[in-house]
């Protein structure tokens, strides 16, 4: 069986990580995270761009640097999603590898 679980808090729990056969940390560069947050917060939450940027730089990014970088170290693999064709290729290969490993584990 293959179960994909999304969420960075999974990595904070050693007990949950122990239940996983393989873990992948997906990250994005700060400028892409800010771009996504701006789009989401302006379009979906009606926030002001300056406020979103201020919160990102003063709160979200320092928290990311303090907590997320440490958590990504415990993953079996790390994938940087920058939206490029090369990243798409790597993600496709990673999914194929994980699916092949899950199939092999079921067979043998």
N, C-alpha and C. Protein backbone atom coordinates (compact mmCIF):
# COMPACT_ATOMS: atom_id res chain seq x y z
N UNK A 1 0.83 -1.18 0.00
CA UNK A 1 0.00 0.00 0.00
C UNK A 1 0.87 1.24 0.00
N UNK A 2 0.38 2.25 -0.62
CA UNK A 2 1.08 3.52 -0.66
C UNK A 2 0.13 4.58 -0.13
N UNK A 3 0.56 5.29 0.87
CA UNK A 3 -0.23 6.35 1.47
C UNK A 3 0.63 7.61 1.46
N UNK A 4 0.10 8.67 0.87
CA UNK A 4 0.82 9.94 0.83
C UNK A 4 0.16 10.87 1.83
N UNK A 5 0.97 11.38 2.75
CA UNK A 5 0.49 12.28 3.80
C UNK A 5 1.17 13.63 3.60
N UNK A 6 0.38 14.68 3.55
CA UNK A 6 0.91 16.02 3.38
C UNK A 6 0.89 16.74 4.72
N UNK A 7 1.97 17.42 5.02
CA UNK A 7 2.01 18.24 6.22
C UNK A 7 3.35 18.16 6.93
N UNK A 8 3.91 19.31 7.22
CA UNK A 8 5.23 19.33 7.83
C UNK A 8 5.23 18.89 9.30
N UNK A 9 4.09 18.97 9.98
CA UNK A 9 4.07 18.59 11.40
C UNK A 9 4.29 17.09 11.62
N UNK A 10 4.08 16.30 10.59
CA UNK A 10 4.40 14.87 10.65
C UNK A 10 5.85 14.67 11.06
N UNK A 11 6.72 15.51 10.56
CA UNK A 11 8.16 15.38 10.81
C UNK A 11 8.54 15.74 12.24
N UNK A 12 7.67 16.42 12.96
CA UNK A 12 7.97 16.82 14.33
C UNK A 12 7.78 15.68 15.32
N UNK A 13 7.12 14.61 14.91
CA UNK A 13 6.84 13.50 15.80
C UNK A 13 7.64 12.26 15.41
N UNK A 14 8.55 11.85 16.26
CA UNK A 14 9.35 10.66 15.99
C UNK A 14 8.46 9.43 15.87
N UNK A 15 7.40 9.38 16.66
CA UNK A 15 6.48 8.23 16.61
C UNK A 15 5.78 8.15 15.26
N UNK A 16 5.34 9.28 14.73
CA UNK A 16 4.70 9.28 13.41
C UNK A 16 5.70 8.96 12.31
N UNK A 17 6.90 9.53 12.41
CA UNK A 17 7.93 9.24 11.40
C UNK A 17 8.26 7.76 11.37
N UNK A 18 8.25 7.12 12.53
CA UNK A 18 8.56 5.68 12.60
C UNK A 18 7.53 4.83 11.86
N UNK A 19 6.32 5.33 11.70
CA UNK A 19 5.28 4.61 10.97
C UNK A 19 5.43 4.73 9.46
N UNK A 20 6.26 5.64 9.02
CA UNK A 20 6.44 5.90 7.60
C UNK A 20 7.59 5.07 7.04
N UNK A 21 7.36 4.47 5.90
CA UNK A 21 8.42 3.72 5.25
C UNK A 21 9.42 4.62 4.55
N UNK A 22 8.95 5.77 4.09
CA UNK A 22 9.80 6.68 3.34
C UNK A 22 9.21 8.07 3.45
N UNK A 23 10.04 9.05 3.75
CA UNK A 23 9.54 10.42 3.88
C UNK A 23 10.26 11.34 2.90
N UNK A 24 9.52 12.30 2.41
CA UNK A 24 10.05 13.29 1.47
C UNK A 24 9.67 14.67 1.97
N UNK A 25 10.63 15.54 2.07
CA UNK A 25 10.39 16.93 2.43
C UNK A 25 10.34 17.73 1.14
N UNK A 26 9.25 18.45 0.91
CA UNK A 26 9.11 19.30 -0.26
C UNK A 26 9.23 20.74 0.20
N UNK A 27 10.18 21.45 -0.39
CA UNK A 27 10.38 22.84 0.01
C UNK A 27 10.35 23.75 -1.20
N UNK A 28 10.26 25.03 -0.92
CA UNK A 28 10.30 26.05 -1.96
C UNK A 28 11.16 27.20 -1.44
N UNK A 29 11.78 27.90 -2.33
CA UNK A 29 12.61 29.04 -1.96
C UNK A 29 11.73 30.14 -1.37
N UNK A 30 12.35 31.00 -0.56
CA UNK A 30 11.61 32.05 0.16
C UNK A 30 10.83 32.97 -0.78
N UNK A 31 11.42 33.34 -1.92
CA UNK A 31 10.71 34.25 -2.82
C UNK A 31 9.46 33.59 -3.41
N UNK A 32 9.52 32.30 -3.67
CA UNK A 32 8.35 31.58 -4.18
C UNK A 32 7.30 31.41 -3.08
N UNK A 33 7.75 31.15 -1.85
CA UNK A 33 6.79 31.05 -0.73
C UNK A 33 6.07 32.39 -0.52
N UNK A 34 6.82 33.49 -0.61
CA UNK A 34 6.21 34.81 -0.46
C UNK A 34 5.23 35.08 -1.60
N UNK A 35 5.60 34.74 -2.82
CA UNK A 35 4.71 34.94 -3.97
C UNK A 35 3.41 34.16 -3.79
N UNK A 36 3.50 32.92 -3.35
CA UNK A 36 2.31 32.10 -3.13
C UNK A 36 1.45 32.66 -2.01
N UNK A 37 2.11 33.11 -0.94
CA UNK A 37 1.37 33.66 0.19
C UNK A 37 0.67 34.95 -0.19
N UNK A 38 1.34 35.81 -0.96
CA UNK A 38 0.72 37.04 -1.42
C UNK A 38 -0.54 36.74 -2.23
N UNK A 39 -0.40 35.83 -3.19
CA UNK A 39 -1.55 35.48 -4.03
C UNK A 39 -2.70 34.94 -3.18
N UNK A 40 -2.39 34.00 -2.29
CA UNK A 40 -3.44 33.39 -1.45
C UNK A 40 -4.09 34.42 -0.53
N UNK A 41 -3.27 35.18 0.19
CA UNK A 41 -3.82 36.08 1.20
C UNK A 41 -4.57 37.27 0.60
N UNK A 42 -4.15 37.73 -0.55
CA UNK A 42 -4.85 38.84 -1.21
C UNK A 42 -6.14 38.34 -1.83
N UNK A 43 -6.06 37.24 -2.60
CA UNK A 43 -7.23 36.73 -3.31
C UNK A 43 -8.26 36.06 -2.39
N UNK A 44 -7.79 35.22 -1.49
CA UNK A 44 -8.71 34.42 -0.69
C UNK A 44 -9.08 35.05 0.65
N UNK A 45 -8.20 35.89 1.17
CA UNK A 45 -8.43 36.43 2.51
C UNK A 45 -8.61 37.94 2.53
N UNK A 46 -8.48 38.57 1.34
CA UNK A 46 -8.71 40.00 1.23
C UNK A 46 -7.71 40.86 1.98
N UNK A 47 -6.51 40.38 2.14
CA UNK A 47 -5.50 41.14 2.88
C UNK A 47 -4.75 42.09 1.97
N UNK A 48 -4.14 43.08 2.59
CA UNK A 48 -3.33 44.08 1.92
C UNK A 48 -1.94 43.51 1.64
N UNK A 49 -1.41 43.76 0.44
CA UNK A 49 -0.11 43.22 0.03
C UNK A 49 1.01 43.61 0.99
N UNK A 50 1.02 44.87 1.42
CA UNK A 50 2.08 45.34 2.33
C UNK A 50 2.01 44.60 3.66
N UNK A 51 0.80 44.35 4.15
CA UNK A 51 0.63 43.62 5.40
C UNK A 51 1.08 42.17 5.26
N UNK A 52 0.74 41.56 4.15
CA UNK A 52 1.14 40.16 3.90
C UNK A 52 2.66 40.06 3.86
N UNK A 53 3.29 40.96 3.13
CA UNK A 53 4.75 40.94 3.03
C UNK A 53 5.40 41.19 4.39
N UNK A 54 4.86 42.14 5.14
CA UNK A 54 5.39 42.44 6.47
C UNK A 54 5.29 41.20 7.38
N UNK A 55 4.15 40.55 7.40
CA UNK A 55 3.96 39.35 8.24
C UNK A 55 4.90 38.22 7.80
N UNK A 56 5.06 38.08 6.49
CA UNK A 56 5.95 37.03 5.98
C UNK A 56 7.37 37.28 6.45
N UNK A 57 7.86 38.50 6.24
CA UNK A 57 9.26 38.80 6.57
C UNK A 57 9.52 38.84 8.07
N UNK A 58 8.56 39.32 8.84
CA UNK A 58 8.77 39.47 10.28
C UNK A 58 8.37 38.25 11.11
N UNK A 59 7.46 37.43 10.59
CA UNK A 59 6.96 36.30 11.37
C UNK A 59 7.19 34.95 10.71
N UNK A 60 6.66 34.79 9.50
CA UNK A 60 6.69 33.47 8.85
C UNK A 60 8.10 33.03 8.48
N UNK A 61 8.86 33.90 7.87
CA UNK A 61 10.21 33.51 7.44
C UNK A 61 11.14 33.22 8.61
N UNK A 62 11.16 34.04 9.66
CA UNK A 62 11.99 33.68 10.82
C UNK A 62 11.57 32.36 11.46
N UNK A 63 10.26 32.10 11.53
CA UNK A 63 9.79 30.82 12.08
C UNK A 63 10.21 29.66 11.18
N UNK A 64 10.11 29.87 9.89
CA UNK A 64 10.55 28.84 8.95
C UNK A 64 12.02 28.51 9.17
N UNK A 65 12.83 29.54 9.25
CA UNK A 65 14.27 29.34 9.43
C UNK A 65 14.60 28.67 10.76
N UNK A 66 13.82 28.96 11.76
CA UNK A 66 14.08 28.40 13.08
C UNK A 66 13.61 26.95 13.21
N UNK A 67 12.45 26.63 12.67
CA UNK A 67 11.86 25.31 12.91
C UNK A 67 11.87 24.37 11.70
N UNK A 68 11.54 24.88 10.53
CA UNK A 68 11.37 24.00 9.37
C UNK A 68 12.69 23.43 8.87
N UNK A 69 13.73 24.22 8.87
CA UNK A 69 15.02 23.72 8.38
C UNK A 69 15.50 22.53 9.21
N UNK A 70 15.25 22.57 10.50
CA UNK A 70 15.62 21.45 11.37
C UNK A 70 14.79 20.21 11.04
N UNK A 71 13.49 20.39 10.83
CA UNK A 71 12.62 19.25 10.54
C UNK A 71 12.95 18.58 9.21
N UNK A 72 13.34 19.35 8.21
CA UNK A 72 13.61 18.75 6.91
C UNK A 72 14.82 17.83 6.94
N UNK A 73 15.66 17.96 7.95
CA UNK A 73 16.85 17.11 8.06
C UNK A 73 16.51 15.66 8.36
N UNK A 74 15.33 15.39 8.91
CA UNK A 74 14.96 14.02 9.27
C UNK A 74 14.29 13.27 8.12
N UNK A 75 14.02 13.94 7.02
CA UNK A 75 13.37 13.30 5.87
C UNK A 75 14.36 12.39 5.14
N UNK A 76 13.82 11.34 4.52
CA UNK A 76 14.65 10.45 3.72
C UNK A 76 15.12 11.11 2.43
N UNK A 77 14.32 11.99 1.91
CA UNK A 77 14.66 12.68 0.67
C UNK A 77 14.16 14.11 0.76
N UNK A 78 14.77 14.99 -0.03
CA UNK A 78 14.41 16.40 -0.03
C UNK A 78 14.20 16.83 -1.47
N UNK A 79 13.08 17.46 -1.73
CA UNK A 79 12.73 17.92 -3.06
C UNK A 79 12.44 19.41 -3.01
N UNK A 80 13.14 20.18 -3.85
CA UNK A 80 12.89 21.62 -3.94
C UNK A 80 11.95 21.86 -5.11
N UNK A 81 10.75 22.33 -4.80
CA UNK A 81 9.75 22.60 -5.83
C UNK A 81 9.82 24.07 -6.22
N UNK A 82 10.55 24.34 -7.28
CA UNK A 82 10.66 25.72 -7.74
C UNK A 82 9.80 25.97 -8.99
N UNK A 83 9.01 24.96 -9.37
CA UNK A 83 8.11 25.10 -10.51
C UNK A 83 8.78 24.93 -11.86
N UNK A 84 10.07 24.65 -11.88
CA UNK A 84 10.79 24.52 -13.14
C UNK A 84 10.56 23.16 -13.79
N UNK A 85 10.84 23.05 -15.08
CA UNK A 85 10.73 21.74 -15.74
C UNK A 85 11.66 20.70 -15.09
N UNK A 86 12.84 21.11 -14.68
CA UNK A 86 13.76 20.17 -14.02
C UNK A 86 13.17 19.66 -12.71
N UNK A 87 12.50 20.53 -11.97
CA UNK A 87 11.87 20.11 -10.71
C UNK A 87 10.72 19.15 -11.01
N UNK A 88 9.95 19.42 -12.06
CA UNK A 88 8.86 18.51 -12.45
C UNK A 88 9.41 17.13 -12.78
N UNK A 89 10.52 17.10 -13.52
CA UNK A 89 11.15 15.82 -13.88
C UNK A 89 11.61 15.08 -12.64
N UNK A 90 12.26 15.79 -11.73
CA UNK A 90 12.74 15.14 -10.51
C UNK A 90 11.56 14.61 -9.68
N UNK A 91 10.49 15.38 -9.59
CA UNK A 91 9.32 14.94 -8.84
C UNK A 91 8.71 13.69 -9.47
N UNK A 92 8.60 13.67 -10.78
CA UNK A 92 8.06 12.50 -11.48
C UNK A 92 8.94 11.28 -11.21
N UNK A 93 10.24 11.45 -11.24
CA UNK A 93 11.16 10.34 -10.97
C UNK A 93 11.03 9.88 -9.52
N UNK A 94 10.90 10.81 -8.61
CA UNK A 94 10.76 10.48 -7.20
C UNK A 94 9.49 9.68 -6.95
N UNK A 95 8.39 10.11 -7.55
CA UNK A 95 7.12 9.39 -7.39
C UNK A 95 7.24 7.98 -7.96
N UNK A 96 7.87 7.85 -9.12
CA UNK A 96 8.06 6.52 -9.73
C UNK A 96 8.90 5.63 -8.83
N UNK A 97 9.95 6.17 -8.23
CA UNK A 97 10.81 5.40 -7.33
C UNK A 97 10.05 4.94 -6.11
N UNK A 98 9.28 5.82 -5.50
CA UNK A 98 8.50 5.47 -4.31
C UNK A 98 7.44 4.43 -4.65
N UNK A 99 6.76 4.59 -5.76
CA UNK A 99 5.74 3.62 -6.18
C UNK A 99 6.37 2.26 -6.46
N UNK A 100 7.53 2.24 -7.10
CA UNK A 100 8.22 0.97 -7.39
C UNK A 100 8.64 0.29 -6.09
N UNK A 101 9.12 1.06 -5.14
CA UNK A 101 9.51 0.49 -3.85
C UNK A 101 8.30 -0.07 -3.10
N UNK A 102 7.18 0.62 -3.17
CA UNK A 102 5.96 0.13 -2.51
C UNK A 102 5.48 -1.15 -3.16
N UNK A 103 5.54 -1.21 -4.48
CA UNK A 103 5.13 -2.41 -5.21
C UNK A 103 6.05 -3.58 -4.87
N UNK A 104 7.35 -3.33 -4.82
CA UNK A 104 8.32 -4.38 -4.48
C UNK A 104 8.09 -4.89 -3.06
N UNK A 105 7.79 -4.00 -2.15
CA UNK A 105 7.56 -4.39 -0.75
C UNK A 105 6.32 -5.28 -0.65
N UNK A 106 5.30 -4.99 -1.45
CA UNK A 106 4.08 -5.81 -1.43
C UNK A 106 4.33 -7.18 -2.02
N UNK A 107 5.19 -7.25 -3.03
CA UNK A 107 5.46 -8.50 -3.71
C UNK A 107 6.37 -9.43 -2.91
N UNK A 108 7.21 -8.83 -2.11
CA UNK A 108 8.19 -9.70 -1.55
C UNK A 108 8.36 -9.77 -0.12
